[in-house]
Amino acid sequence: MTIKTIVDTIRDTLRHEMARDDRVIILGEDVGKTGGVFLATEGLQQEFGAERVIDTPLAELSIVGIAIGAAAVGMRPIAEIQFADFIHPAFDQIVSEAAKMRYRSNGTWTCPLVIRTPYGGGIHGALYHSQSIEAYYCHVPGLKVVAPATPYDAKGLLTAAIRDPDPVLFLEHKKTYRAIKGDVPDDDYTIPIGKAEIKRAGDDVTAIAYGAMLHETLAAAQELEREGTSVEVVDLRTLQPLDCETILASVRKTSKVCIIHEDTRTMGLGAELAALITEQAFLDLDAPIRRVTGPDLPGVPFNAAGETAFLPDAKKIARALRELDAY
């Protein structure tokens, strides 16, 4: 076991997989000589060479398109999009090509591609460096979407994503890169894509979260425990496909559920979760489903007061959990 930050864990996992499998390549803006804007690939070009850690032009469509081509001929490309806010020029390549590769070829072709990108707010990144993009891509059949919140999960899920035969969008919340530390086994391991985890057991209310919001939710749960309310915290880890079994089991256990994400509210992932729970566990509910989310604004404000008002936090989550418990 070694205590690591999330960004260090990602770098070490990339290094391990590149050493293990010479088909693994990395491509993206500034990933080579600079080591990435967050230094997630620092030192990898010096270690593995410019043919395997490739600096690209500022062209997200081309980055993903080239990576799809490499995947189709047997490589294991990892495409980095410098900020999730800039992934949208590659939308058609991801949705129309990568996600449909297996289906359109009747299983003859696969697309073992990982697209890594930092997302989310909380670092004063304003409109174009704070977006949460998960809802767009969770809508796409054939694409897996992963969002780890701890170093342990980051290693296990990234390893699984690189070895997966199909495309995986790997979301890394930039606020957690250096703020969150944890024990990471030195041994090789994977975490199955599509499996949530109960990060905190409880009996009174279920709180469902992922990414940076997991840590805010755990803080809120700890506060409520001091008040006598037991909150069960479910970390989704994988956003597509959802672990319906774990989600529904927790809801049936507590009969009250709060869904937390920092993405905007309308058509967000929380709406799909609420629909799932309503369709399959309605008679188990003792209260209406609550959501704590970002507001329906075009972007996260730059100024500190505006950013704080936009983002869910432990205080806002605790308020919603108290109201649910008292319902």
C-alpha atoms as a PDB file:
ATOM      1  CA  MET A   1       0.000   0.000   0.000  1.00  0.00           C
ATOM      2  CA  THR A   2       1.122   3.512  -0.831  1.00  0.00           C
ATOM      3  CA  ILE A   3      -0.721   6.743  -0.011  1.00  0.00           C
ATOM      4  CA  LYS A   4      -1.225   8.657  -3.251  1.00  0.00           C
ATOM      5  CA  THR A   5      -3.191  11.506  -4.757  1.00  0.00           C
ATOM      6  CA  ILE A   6      -5.578  10.779  -7.609  1.00  0.00           C
ATOM      7  CA  VAL A   7      -3.383  12.443 -10.230  1.00  0.00           C
ATOM      8  CA  ASP A   8      -0.312  10.496  -9.089  1.00  0.00           C
ATOM      9  CA  THR A   9      -2.349   7.296  -9.161  1.00  0.00           C
ATOM     10  CA  ILE A  10      -3.462   7.964 -12.724  1.00  0.00           C
ATOM     11  CA  ARG A  11       0.120   8.642 -13.852  1.00  0.00           C
ATOM     12  CA  ASP A  12       1.424   5.497 -12.159  1.00  0.00           C
ATOM     13  CA  THR A  13      -1.386   3.400 -13.643  1.00  0.00           C
ATOM     14  CA  LEU A  14      -0.678   4.714 -17.129  1.00  0.00           C
ATOM     15  CA  ARG A  15       3.012   3.921 -16.654  1.00  0.00           C
ATOM     16  CA  HIS A  16       2.239   0.396 -15.447  1.00  0.00           C
ATOM     17  CA  GLU A  17      -0.077  -0.357 -18.368  1.00  0.00           C
ATOM     18  CA  MET A  18       2.368   1.059 -20.923  1.00  0.00           C
ATOM     19  CA  ALA A  19       5.129  -1.117 -19.528  1.00  0.00           C
ATOM     20  CA  ARG A  20       2.860  -4.165 -19.446  1.00  0.00           C
ATOM     21  CA  ASP A  21       1.438  -3.791 -22.962  1.00  0.00           C
ATOM     22  CA  ASP A  22       3.342  -2.105 -25.788  1.00  0.00           C
ATOM     23  CA  ARG A  23       0.073  -1.569 -27.665  1.00  0.00           C
ATOM     24  CA  VAL A  24      -0.875   1.149 -25.175  1.00  0.00           C
ATOM     25  CA  ILE A  25      -0.247   4.646 -26.507  1.00  0.00           C
ATOM     26  CA  ILE A  26      -1.219   8.090 -25.225  1.00  0.00           C
ATOM     27  CA  LEU A  27      -2.121  11.035 -27.424  1.00  0.00           C
ATOM     28  CA  GLY A  28      -3.381  14.519 -26.692  1.00  0.00           C
ATOM     29  CA  GLU A  29      -2.522  18.172 -26.309  1.00  0.00           C
ATOM     30  CA  ASP A  30       0.695  18.722 -24.320  1.00  0.00           C
ATOM     31  CA  VAL A  31       0.698  15.157 -22.955  1.00  0.00           C
ATOM     32  CA  GLY A  32       4.309  14.531 -23.989  1.00  0.00           C
ATOM     33  CA  LYS A  33       6.955  17.142 -23.433  1.00  0.00           C
ATOM     34  CA  THR A  34       4.920  19.110 -20.874  1.00  0.00           C
ATOM     35  CA  GLY A  35       3.277  16.092 -19.246  1.00  0.00           C
ATOM     36  CA  GLY A  36      -0.239  17.478 -19.529  1.00  0.00           C
ATOM     37  CA  VAL A  37      -1.782  20.607 -18.081  1.00  0.00           C
ATOM     38  CA  PHE A  38      -2.324  18.769 -14.755  1.00  0.00           C
ATOM     39  CA  LEU A  39       0.929  16.743 -15.120  1.00  0.00           C
ATOM     40  CA  ALA A  40      -1.002  13.470 -15.289  1.00  0.00           C
ATOM     41  CA  THR A  41       1.400  12.202 -17.980  1.00  0.00           C
ATOM     42  CA  GLU A  42       4.550  13.864 -16.657  1.00  0.00           C
ATOM     43  CA  GLY A  43       7.694  11.893 -17.515  1.00  0.00           C
ATOM     44  CA  LEU A  44       5.955   9.284 -19.668  1.00  0.00           C
ATOM     45  CA  GLN A  45       7.276  10.562 -22.993  1.00  0.00           C
ATOM     46  CA  GLN A  46      10.820  10.554 -21.629  1.00  0.00           C
ATOM     47  CA  GLU A  47      10.305   6.968 -20.484  1.00  0.00           C
ATOM     48  CA  PHE A  48       8.426   5.481 -23.441  1.00  0.00           C
ATOM     49  CA  GLY A  49       9.330   7.787 -26.320  1.00  0.00           C
ATOM     50  CA  ALA A  50       7.510  10.225 -28.567  1.00  0.00           C
ATOM     51  CA  GLU A  51       6.026   7.440 -30.685  1.00  0.00           C
ATOM     52  CA  ARG A  52       3.982   6.185 -27.723  1.00  0.00           C
ATOM     53  CA  VAL A  53       3.269   9.469 -25.909  1.00  0.00           C
ATOM     54  CA  ILE A  54       2.225  11.762 -28.721  1.00  0.00           C
ATOM     55  CA  ASP A  55       1.779  15.539 -28.576  1.00  0.00           C
ATOM     56  CA  THR A  56      -1.057  16.514 -30.912  1.00  0.00           C
ATOM     57  CA  PRO A  57      -2.397  19.752 -32.362  1.00  0.00           C
ATOM     58  CA  LEU A  58      -5.313  21.512 -30.649  1.00  0.00           C
ATOM     59  CA  ALA A  59      -7.886  19.404 -32.502  1.00  0.00           C
ATOM     60  CA  GLU A  60     -10.124  17.223 -30.343  1.00  0.00           C
ATOM     61  CA  LEU A  61     -11.962  15.743 -33.324  1.00  0.00           C
ATOM     62  CA  SER A  62      -8.650  14.543 -34.752  1.00  0.00           C
ATOM     63  CA  ILE A  63      -7.338  13.280 -31.415  1.00  0.00           C
ATOM     64  CA  VAL A  64     -10.331  10.990 -30.959  1.00  0.00           C
ATOM     65  CA  GLY A  65     -10.618  10.097 -34.636  1.00  0.00           C
ATOM     66  CA  ILE A  66      -6.974   9.009 -34.835  1.00  0.00           C
ATOM     67  CA  ALA A  67      -7.363   7.069 -31.591  1.00  0.00           C
ATOM     68  CA  ILE A  68     -10.394   5.227 -33.013  1.00  0.00           C
ATOM     69  CA  GLY A  69      -8.355   4.257 -36.064  1.00  0.00           C
ATOM     70  CA  ALA A  70      -5.513   3.027 -33.879  1.00  0.00           C
ATOM     71  CA  ALA A  71      -7.954   0.997 -31.773  1.00  0.00           C
ATOM     72  CA  ALA A  72      -9.479  -0.556 -34.872  1.00  0.00           C
ATOM     73  CA  VAL A  73      -6.115  -1.987 -35.947  1.00  0.00           C
ATOM     74  CA  GLY A  74      -5.184  -3.479 -32.591  1.00  0.00           C
ATOM     75  CA  MET A  75      -3.635  -0.675 -30.551  1.00  0.00           C
ATOM     76  CA  ARG A  76      -4.830   0.362 -27.080  1.00  0.00           C
ATOM     77  CA  PRO A  77      -4.978   4.156 -27.399  1.00  0.00           C
ATOM     78  CA  ILE A  78      -5.619   6.522 -24.494  1.00  0.00           C
ATOM     79  CA  ALA A  79      -6.792   9.873 -25.825  1.00  0.00           C
ATOM     80  CA  GLU A  80      -6.584  12.796 -23.417  1.00  0.00           C
ATOM     81  CA  ILE A  81      -8.943  15.724 -23.864  1.00  0.00           C
ATOM     82  CA  GLN A  82      -7.273  18.531 -21.945  1.00  0.00           C
ATOM     83  CA  PHE A  83     -10.551  19.776 -20.431  1.00  0.00           C
ATOM     84  CA  ALA A  84     -13.936  18.093 -20.722  1.00  0.00           C
ATOM     85  CA  ASP A  85     -15.329  21.449 -21.857  1.00  0.00           C
ATOM     86  CA  PHE A  86     -13.492  20.976 -25.170  1.00  0.00           C
ATOM     87  CA  ILE A  87     -14.612  17.417 -25.909  1.00  0.00           C
ATOM     88  CA  HIS A  88     -17.623  18.466 -27.956  1.00  0.00           C
ATOM     89  CA  PRO A  89     -15.799  18.853 -31.315  1.00  0.00           C
ATOM     90  CA  ALA A  90     -15.172  15.098 -31.009  1.00  0.00           C
ATOM     91  CA  PHE A  91     -18.807  14.297 -30.208  1.00  0.00           C
ATOM     92  CA  ASP A  92     -19.566  12.776 -33.605  1.00  0.00           C
ATOM     93  CA  GLN A  93     -16.447  10.596 -33.543  1.00  0.00           C
ATOM     94  CA  ILE A  94     -17.349   9.301 -30.070  1.00  0.00           C
ATOM     95  CA  VAL A  95     -21.071   8.800 -30.694  1.00  0.00           C
ATOM     96  CA  SER A  96     -21.203   7.802 -34.368  1.00  0.00           C
ATOM     97  CA  GLU A  97     -17.957   5.855 -34.659  1.00  0.00           C
ATOM     98  CA  ALA A  98     -16.440   4.602 -31.387  1.00  0.00           C
ATOM     99  CA  ALA A  99     -19.699   3.720 -29.615  1.00  0.00           C
ATOM    100  CA  LYS A 100     -21.178   2.027 -32.691  1.00  0.00           C
ATOM    101  CA  MET A 101     -18.119   0.064 -33.820  1.00  0.00           C
ATOM    102  CA  ARG A 102     -19.112  -3.294 -32.327  1.00  0.00           C
ATOM    103  CA  TYR A 103     -22.792  -2.940 -33.250  1.00  0.00           C
ATOM    104  CA  ARG A 104     -22.300  -1.827 -36.846  1.00  0.00           C
ATOM    105  CA  SER A 105     -19.832  -4.643 -37.527  1.00  0.00           C
ATOM    106  CA  ASN A 106     -21.941  -7.330 -35.840  1.00  0.00           C
ATOM    107  CA  GLY A 107     -19.121  -7.912 -33.363  1.00  0.00           C
ATOM    108  CA  THR A 108     -16.392  -8.263 -35.986  1.00  0.00           C
ATOM    109  CA  TRP A 109     -14.664  -5.041 -34.867  1.00  0.00           C
ATOM    110  CA  THR A 110     -14.184  -3.599 -31.413  1.00  0.00           C
ATOM    111  CA  CYS A 111     -12.881  -0.228 -30.260  1.00  0.00           C
ATOM    112  CA  PRO A 112     -10.594  -0.629 -27.222  1.00  0.00           C
ATOM    113  CA  LEU A 113     -10.278   3.106 -26.638  1.00  0.00           C
ATOM    114  CA  VAL A 114     -10.033   5.155 -23.433  1.00  0.00           C
ATOM    115  CA  ILE A 115     -10.823   8.867 -23.516  1.00  0.00           C
ATOM    116  CA  ARG A 116      -9.520  10.555 -20.355  1.00  0.00           C
ATOM    117  CA  THR A 117     -10.656  14.052 -19.462  1.00  0.00           C
ATOM    118  CA  PRO A 118     -10.786  16.288 -16.367  1.00  0.00           C
ATOM    119  CA  TYR A 119     -14.256  17.675 -15.620  1.00  0.00           C
ATOM    120  CA  GLY A 120     -16.134  19.656 -12.986  1.00  0.00           C
ATOM    121  CA  GLY A 121     -15.889  22.905 -11.064  1.00  0.00           C
ATOM    122  CA  GLY A 122     -14.473  24.165  -7.813  1.00  0.00           C
ATOM    123  CA  ILE A 123     -11.149  25.560  -9.073  1.00  0.00           C
ATOM    124  CA  HIS A 124     -12.375  28.940 -10.396  1.00  0.00           C
ATOM    125  CA  GLY A 125     -12.269  27.664 -13.961  1.00  0.00           C
ATOM    126  CA  ALA A 126     -15.397  29.598 -14.979  1.00  0.00           C
ATOM    127  CA  LEU A 127     -17.551  28.743 -17.982  1.00  0.00           C
ATOM    128  CA  TYR A 128     -15.023  26.914 -20.153  1.00  0.00           C
ATOM    129  CA  HIS A 129     -13.046  24.960 -17.573  1.00  0.00           C
ATOM    130  CA  SER A 130     -15.733  23.753 -15.160  1.00  0.00           C
ATOM    131  CA  GLN A 131     -18.319  21.812 -17.140  1.00  0.00           C
ATOM    132  CA  SER A 132     -19.807  18.475 -16.144  1.00  0.00           C
ATOM    133  CA  ILE A 133     -20.460  16.591 -19.376  1.00  0.00           C
ATOM    134  CA  GLU A 134     -21.525  13.175 -18.176  1.00  0.00           C
ATOM    135  CA  ALA A 135     -25.230  13.369 -19.049  1.00  0.00           C
ATOM    136  CA  TYR A 136     -24.506  13.890 -22.760  1.00  0.00           C
ATOM    137  CA  TYR A 137     -22.380  10.775 -23.000  1.00  0.00           C
ATOM    138  CA  CYS A 138     -24.305   8.514 -20.627  1.00  0.00           C
ATOM    139  CA  HIS A 139     -27.089   8.746 -23.216  1.00  0.00           C
ATOM    140  CA  VAL A 140     -24.968   6.838 -25.768  1.00  0.00           C
ATOM    141  CA  PRO A 141     -25.390   3.035 -25.990  1.00  0.00           C
ATOM    142  CA  GLY A 142     -22.072   1.331 -26.643  1.00  0.00           C
ATOM    143  CA  LEU A 143     -20.063   3.826 -24.595  1.00  0.00           C
ATOM    144  CA  LYS A 144     -19.056   3.197 -20.986  1.00  0.00           C
ATOM    145  CA  VAL A 145     -18.687   6.206 -18.669  1.00  0.00           C
ATOM    146  CA  VAL A 146     -16.599   5.994 -15.502  1.00  0.00           C
ATOM    147  CA  ALA A 147     -16.080   8.618 -12.764  1.00  0.00           C
ATOM    148  CA  PRO A 148     -13.862   7.494  -9.857  1.00  0.00           C
ATOM    149  CA  ALA A 149     -13.679   9.554  -6.682  1.00  0.00           C
ATOM    150  CA  THR A 150     -10.767   7.947  -4.806  1.00  0.00           C
ATOM    151  CA  PRO A 151      -7.203   6.926  -5.698  1.00  0.00           C
ATOM    152  CA  TYR A 152      -8.019   3.249  -5.098  1.00  0.00           C
ATOM    153  CA  ASP A 153     -10.942   3.375  -7.496  1.00  0.00           C
ATOM    154  CA  ALA A 154      -9.001   5.460 -10.013  1.00  0.00           C
ATOM    155  CA  LYS A 155      -6.337   2.767 -10.383  1.00  0.00           C
ATOM    156  CA  GLY A 156      -8.742  -0.156 -10.521  1.00  0.00           C
ATOM    157  CA  LEU A 157     -11.135   1.464 -12.960  1.00  0.00           C
ATOM    158  CA  LEU A 158      -8.468   2.960 -15.230  1.00  0.00           C
ATOM    159  CA  THR A 159      -6.752  -0.412 -15.470  1.00  0.00           C
ATOM    160  CA  ALA A 160     -10.074  -2.040 -16.318  1.00  0.00           C
ATOM    161  CA  ALA A 161     -10.847   0.664 -18.878  1.00  0.00           C
ATOM    162  CA  ILE A 162      -7.509   0.257 -20.695  1.00  0.00           C
ATOM    163  CA  ARG A 163      -8.025  -3.510 -20.899  1.00  0.00           C
ATOM    164  CA  ASP A 164     -11.682  -3.237 -21.958  1.00  0.00           C
ATOM    165  CA  PRO A 165     -12.461  -4.159 -25.576  1.00  0.00           C
ATOM    166  CA  ASP A 166     -14.931  -1.287 -25.972  1.00  0.00           C
ATOM    167  CA  PRO A 167     -14.705   2.506 -25.645  1.00  0.00           C
ATOM    168  CA  VAL A 168     -14.631   4.037 -22.160  1.00  0.00           C
ATOM    169  CA  LEU A 169     -14.980   7.713 -21.276  1.00  0.00           C
ATOM    170  CA  PHE A 170     -12.901   8.126 -18.117  1.00  0.00           C
ATOM    171  CA  LEU A 171     -13.899  11.257 -16.183  1.00  0.00           C
ATOM    172  CA  GLU A 172     -11.433  12.687 -13.663  1.00  0.00           C
ATOM    173  CA  HIS A 173     -12.759  15.426 -11.409  1.00  0.00           C
ATOM    174  CA  LYS A 174     -10.041  18.046 -11.478  1.00  0.00           C
ATOM    175  CA  LYS A 175     -10.781  19.335  -7.971  1.00  0.00           C
ATOM    176  CA  THR A 176      -9.965  15.888  -6.564  1.00  0.00           C
ATOM    177  CA  TYR A 177      -6.642  15.496  -8.419  1.00  0.00           C
ATOM    178  CA  ARG A 178      -4.473  16.611  -5.499  1.00  0.00           C
ATOM    179  CA  ALA A 179      -7.051  17.236  -2.779  1.00  0.00           C
ATOM    180  CA  ILE A 180      -7.984  13.575  -2.312  1.00  0.00           C
ATOM    181  CA  LYS A 181      -5.434  11.049  -1.063  1.00  0.00           C
ATOM    182  CA  GLY A 182      -5.767   7.405  -0.170  1.00  0.00           C
ATOM    183  CA  ASP A 183      -4.172   3.981   0.051  1.00  0.00           C
ATOM    184  CA  VAL A 184      -3.424   2.337  -3.294  1.00  0.00           C
ATOM    185  CA  PRO A 185      -2.211  -1.279  -3.457  1.00  0.00           C
ATOM    186  CA  ASP A 186       1.062  -1.721  -5.295  1.00  0.00           C
ATOM    187  CA  ASP A 187      -0.218  -4.972  -6.813  1.00  0.00           C
ATOM    188  CA  ASP A 188      -2.055  -5.171 -10.121  1.00  0.00           C
ATOM    189  CA  TYR A 189      -5.861  -5.123  -9.746  1.00  0.00           C
ATOM    190  CA  THR A 190      -8.992  -4.045 -11.584  1.00  0.00           C
ATOM    191  CA  ILE A 191     -12.421  -2.866 -10.472  1.00  0.00           C
ATOM    192  CA  PRO A 192     -15.254  -4.138 -12.681  1.00  0.00           C
ATOM    193  CA  ILE A 193     -16.842  -1.411 -14.783  1.00  0.00           C
ATOM    194  CA  GLY A 194     -20.524  -1.182 -13.894  1.00  0.00           C
ATOM    195  CA  LYS A 195     -20.192  -1.843 -10.163  1.00  0.00           C
ATOM    196  CA  ALA A 196     -21.102   0.784  -7.548  1.00  0.00           C
ATOM    197  CA  GLU A 197     -19.876   0.681  -3.953  1.00  0.00           C
ATOM    198  CA  ILE A 198     -21.411   1.456  -0.592  1.00  0.00           C
ATOM    199  CA  LYS A 199     -18.881   3.926   0.804  1.00  0.00           C
ATOM    200  CA  ARG A 200     -20.791   4.316   4.074  1.00  0.00           C
ATOM    201  CA  ALA A 201     -23.484   1.985   5.417  1.00  0.00           C
ATOM    202  CA  GLY A 202     -26.645   3.468   6.917  1.00  0.00           C
ATOM    203  CA  ASP A 203     -30.285   2.756   7.685  1.00  0.00           C
ATOM    204  CA  ASP A 204     -32.319   5.977   7.466  1.00  0.00           C
ATOM    205  CA  VAL A 205     -31.567   7.665   4.129  1.00  0.00           C
ATOM    206  CA  THR A 206     -29.718   6.695   0.931  1.00  0.00           C
ATOM    207  CA  ALA A 207     -27.475   9.327  -0.684  1.00  0.00           C
ATOM    208  CA  ILE A 208     -26.246   8.595  -4.216  1.00  0.00           C
ATOM    209  CA  ALA A 209     -23.225  10.533  -5.518  1.00  0.00           C
ATOM    210  CA  TYR A 210     -20.044  10.311  -7.603  1.00  0.00           C
ATOM    211  CA  GLY A 211     -16.872  12.274  -8.291  1.00  0.00           C
ATOM    212  CA  ALA A 212     -16.150  15.268  -6.080  1.00  0.00           C
ATOM    213  CA  MET A 213     -19.717  15.175  -4.760  1.00  0.00           C
ATOM    214  CA  LEU A 214     -18.999  11.856  -3.062  1.00  0.00           C
ATOM    215  CA  HIS A 215     -16.697  13.623  -0.623  1.00  0.00           C
ATOM    216  CA  GLU A 216     -19.199  16.405   0.055  1.00  0.00           C
ATOM    217  CA  THR A 217     -21.857  13.748   0.627  1.00  0.00           C
ATOM    218  CA  LEU A 218     -19.662  11.787   3.028  1.00  0.00           C
ATOM    219  CA  ALA A 219     -19.033  14.983   4.995  1.00  0.00           C
ATOM    220  CA  ALA A 220     -22.782  15.640   5.169  1.00  0.00           C
ATOM    221  CA  ALA A 221     -23.427  12.047   6.281  1.00  0.00           C
ATOM    222  CA  GLN A 222     -20.880  12.410   9.058  1.00  0.00           C
ATOM    223  CA  GLU A 223     -22.602  15.587  10.241  1.00  0.00           C
ATOM    224  CA  LEU A 224     -26.004  13.867  10.300  1.00  0.00           C
ATOM    225  CA  GLU A 225     -24.603  10.926  12.222  1.00  0.00           C
ATOM    226  CA  ARG A 226     -23.806  13.309  15.071  1.00  0.00           C
ATOM    227  CA  GLU A 227     -27.487  14.302  14.972  1.00  0.00           C
ATOM    228  CA  GLY A 228     -28.680  10.704  15.129  1.00  0.00           C
ATOM    229  CA  THR A 229     -29.460  10.096  11.442  1.00  0.00           C
ATOM    230  CA  SER A 230     -27.812   7.158   9.662  1.00  0.00           C
ATOM    231  CA  VAL A 231     -27.044   7.899   5.997  1.00  0.00           C
ATOM    232  CA  GLU A 232     -26.015   5.220   3.503  1.00  0.00           C
ATOM    233  CA  VAL A 233     -23.730   6.662   0.814  1.00  0.00           C
ATOM    234  CA  VAL A 234     -23.617   4.959  -2.583  1.00  0.00           C
ATOM    235  CA  ASP A 235     -20.704   5.855  -4.862  1.00  0.00           C
ATOM    236  CA  LEU A 236     -21.801   5.092  -8.421  1.00  0.00           C
ATOM    237  CA  ARG A 237     -18.198   4.936  -9.751  1.00  0.00           C
ATOM    238  CA  THR A 238     -19.587   3.849 -13.137  1.00  0.00           C
ATOM    239  CA  LEU A 239     -22.252   6.121 -14.608  1.00  0.00           C
ATOM    240  CA  GLN A 240     -22.949   3.962 -17.662  1.00  0.00           C
ATOM    241  CA  PRO A 241     -23.872   1.175 -17.225  1.00  0.00           C
ATOM    242  CA  LEU A 242     -25.481   1.856 -13.850  1.00  0.00           C
ATOM    243  CA  ASP A 243     -25.320  -0.709 -11.071  1.00  0.00           C
ATOM    244  CA  CYS A 244     -29.082  -0.993 -10.675  1.00  0.00           C
ATOM    245  CA  GLU A 245     -28.826  -3.862  -8.198  1.00  0.00           C
ATOM    246  CA  THR A 246     -26.771  -1.912  -5.646  1.00  0.00           C
ATOM    247  CA  ILE A 247     -28.829   1.264  -6.096  1.00  0.00           C
ATOM    248  CA  LEU A 248     -32.188  -0.448  -5.653  1.00  0.00           C
ATOM    249  CA  ALA A 249     -31.013  -2.584  -2.731  1.00  0.00           C
ATOM    250  CA  SER A 250     -29.966   0.536  -0.842  1.00  0.00           C
ATOM    251  CA  VAL A 251     -33.210   2.360  -1.624  1.00  0.00           C
ATOM    252  CA  ARG A 252     -35.279  -0.600  -0.437  1.00  0.00           C
ATOM    253  CA  LYS A 253     -33.220  -0.706   2.741  1.00  0.00           C
ATOM    254  CA  THR A 254     -33.707   2.950   3.734  1.00  0.00           C
ATOM    255  CA  SER A 255     -36.903   3.880   1.808  1.00  0.00           C
ATOM    256  CA  LYS A 256     -35.646   7.448   1.312  1.00  0.00           C
ATOM    257  CA  VAL A 257     -33.200   8.645  -1.327  1.00  0.00           C
ATOM    258  CA  CYS A 258     -31.290  11.798  -2.206  1.00  0.00           C
ATOM    259  CA  ILE A 259     -29.344  12.055  -5.480  1.00  0.00           C
ATOM    260  CA  ILE A 260     -26.398  14.446  -5.648  1.00  0.00           C
ATOM    261  CA  HIS A 261     -24.469  15.734  -8.672  1.00  0.00           C
ATOM    262  CA  GLU A 262     -22.887  19.072  -9.580  1.00  0.00           C
ATOM    263  CA  ASP A 263     -24.101  18.989 -13.176  1.00  0.00           C
ATOM    264  CA  THR A 264     -27.143  21.114 -13.970  1.00  0.00           C
ATOM    265  CA  ARG A 265     -30.483  19.759 -12.783  1.00  0.00           C
ATOM    266  CA  THR A 266     -32.713  19.392 -15.829  1.00  0.00           C
ATOM    267  CA  MET A 267     -32.056  16.199 -17.825  1.00  0.00           C
ATOM    268  CA  GLY A 268     -29.088  15.428 -15.554  1.00  0.00           C
ATOM    269  CA  LEU A 269     -28.069  11.941 -14.444  1.00  0.00           C
ATOM    270  CA  GLY A 270     -30.198  12.404 -11.323  1.00  0.00           C
ATOM    271  CA  ALA A 271     -33.340  12.408 -13.433  1.00  0.00           C
ATOM    272  CA  GLU A 272     -32.500   8.987 -14.892  1.00  0.00           C
ATOM    273  CA  LEU A 273     -31.718   7.632 -11.434  1.00  0.00           C
ATOM    274  CA  ALA A 274     -35.021   8.987 -10.120  1.00  0.00           C
ATOM    275  CA  ALA A 275     -36.877   7.344 -13.012  1.00  0.00           C
ATOM    276  CA  LEU A 276     -35.129   4.028 -12.372  1.00  0.00           C
ATOM    277  CA  ILE A 277     -36.024   4.104  -8.675  1.00  0.00           C
ATOM    278  CA  THR A 278     -39.620   5.184  -9.323  1.00  0.00           C
ATOM    279  CA  GLU A 279     -40.173   2.438 -11.897  1.00  0.00           C
ATOM    280  CA  GLN A 280     -38.627  -0.386  -9.885  1.00  0.00           C
ATOM    281  CA  ALA A 281     -38.905   0.577  -6.207  1.00  0.00           C
ATOM    282  CA  PHE A 282     -41.856   2.984  -5.957  1.00  0.00           C
ATOM    283  CA  LEU A 283     -43.691   0.974  -3.299  1.00  0.00           C
ATOM    284  CA  ASP A 284     -40.528   0.914  -1.165  1.00  0.00           C
ATOM    285  CA  LEU A 285     -40.328   4.711  -0.945  1.00  0.00           C
ATOM    286  CA  ASP A 286     -41.490   6.587   2.161  1.00  0.00           C
ATOM    287  CA  ALA A 287     -40.755  10.054   0.750  1.00  0.00           C
ATOM    288  CA  PRO A 288     -40.396  11.830  -2.601  1.00  0.00           C
ATOM    289  CA  ILE A 289     -36.973  11.491  -4.208  1.00  0.00           C
ATOM    290  CA  ARG A 290     -34.767  14.519  -3.594  1.00  0.00           C
ATOM    291  CA  ARG A 291     -32.060  15.940  -5.858  1.00  0.00           C
ATOM    292  CA  VAL A 292     -29.228  18.263  -4.865  1.00  0.00           C
ATOM    293  CA  THR A 293     -27.635  19.557  -8.059  1.00  0.00           C
ATOM    294  CA  GLY A 294     -26.195  22.549  -9.800  1.00  0.00           C
ATOM    295  CA  PRO A 295     -28.763  25.082 -11.062  1.00  0.00           C
ATOM    296  CA  ASP A 296     -29.833  25.378 -14.684  1.00  0.00           C
ATOM    297  CA  LEU A 297     -27.269  28.015 -15.626  1.00  0.00           C
ATOM    298  CA  PRO A 298     -25.164  28.084 -18.823  1.00  0.00           C
ATOM    299  CA  GLY A 299     -21.941  27.849 -16.846  1.00  0.00           C
ATOM    300  CA  VAL A 300     -20.181  27.907 -13.490  1.00  0.00           C
ATOM    301  CA  PRO A 301     -19.396  31.510 -12.476  1.00  0.00           C
ATOM    302  CA  PHE A 302     -15.758  32.570 -12.148  1.00  0.00           C
ATOM    303  CA  ASN A 303     -16.133  34.619  -8.968  1.00  0.00           C
ATOM    304  CA  ALA A 304     -15.913  32.736  -5.691  1.00  0.00           C
ATOM    305  CA  ALA A 305     -19.371  33.703  -4.447  1.00  0.00           C
ATOM    306  CA  GLY A 306     -21.028  32.654  -7.688  1.00  0.00           C
ATOM    307  CA  GLU A 307     -19.119  29.383  -7.903  1.00  0.00           C
ATOM    308  CA  THR A 308     -20.020  28.541  -4.295  1.00  0.00           C
ATOM    309  CA  ALA A 309     -23.672  29.313  -4.976  1.00  0.00           C
ATOM    310  CA  PHE A 310     -23.632  27.065  -8.052  1.00  0.00           C
ATOM    311  CA  LEU A 311     -21.934  23.978  -6.630  1.00  0.00           C
ATOM    312  CA  PRO A 312     -23.582  21.567  -4.173  1.00  0.00           C
ATOM    313  CA  ASP A 313     -21.653  21.207  -0.934  1.00  0.00           C
ATOM    314  CA  ALA A 314     -21.879  19.371   2.377  1.00  0.00           C
ATOM    315  CA  LYS A 315     -24.087  22.063   3.899  1.00  0.00           C
ATOM    316  CA  LYS A 316     -26.655  21.930   1.078  1.00  0.00           C
ATOM    317  CA  ILE A 317     -26.618  18.150   1.029  1.00  0.00           C
ATOM    318  CA  ALA A 318     -27.035  17.920   4.810  1.00  0.00           C
ATOM    319  CA  ARG A 319     -30.064  20.213   4.637  1.00  0.00           C
ATOM    320  CA  ALA A 320     -31.736  17.967   2.055  1.00  0.00           C
ATOM    321  CA  LEU A 321     -30.931  14.831   4.041  1.00  0.00           C
ATOM    322  CA  ARG A 322     -32.432  16.323   7.217  1.00  0.00           C
ATOM    323  CA  GLU A 323     -35.628  17.188   5.365  1.00  0.00           C
ATOM    324  CA  LEU A 324     -35.840  13.670   3.944  1.00  0.00           C
ATOM    325  CA  ASP A 325     -35.244  12.090   7.339  1.00  0.00           C
ATOM    326  CA  ALA A 326     -37.983  14.216   8.874  1.00  0.00           C
ATOM    327  CA  TYR A 327     -40.529  13.580   6.109  1.00  0.00           C
END
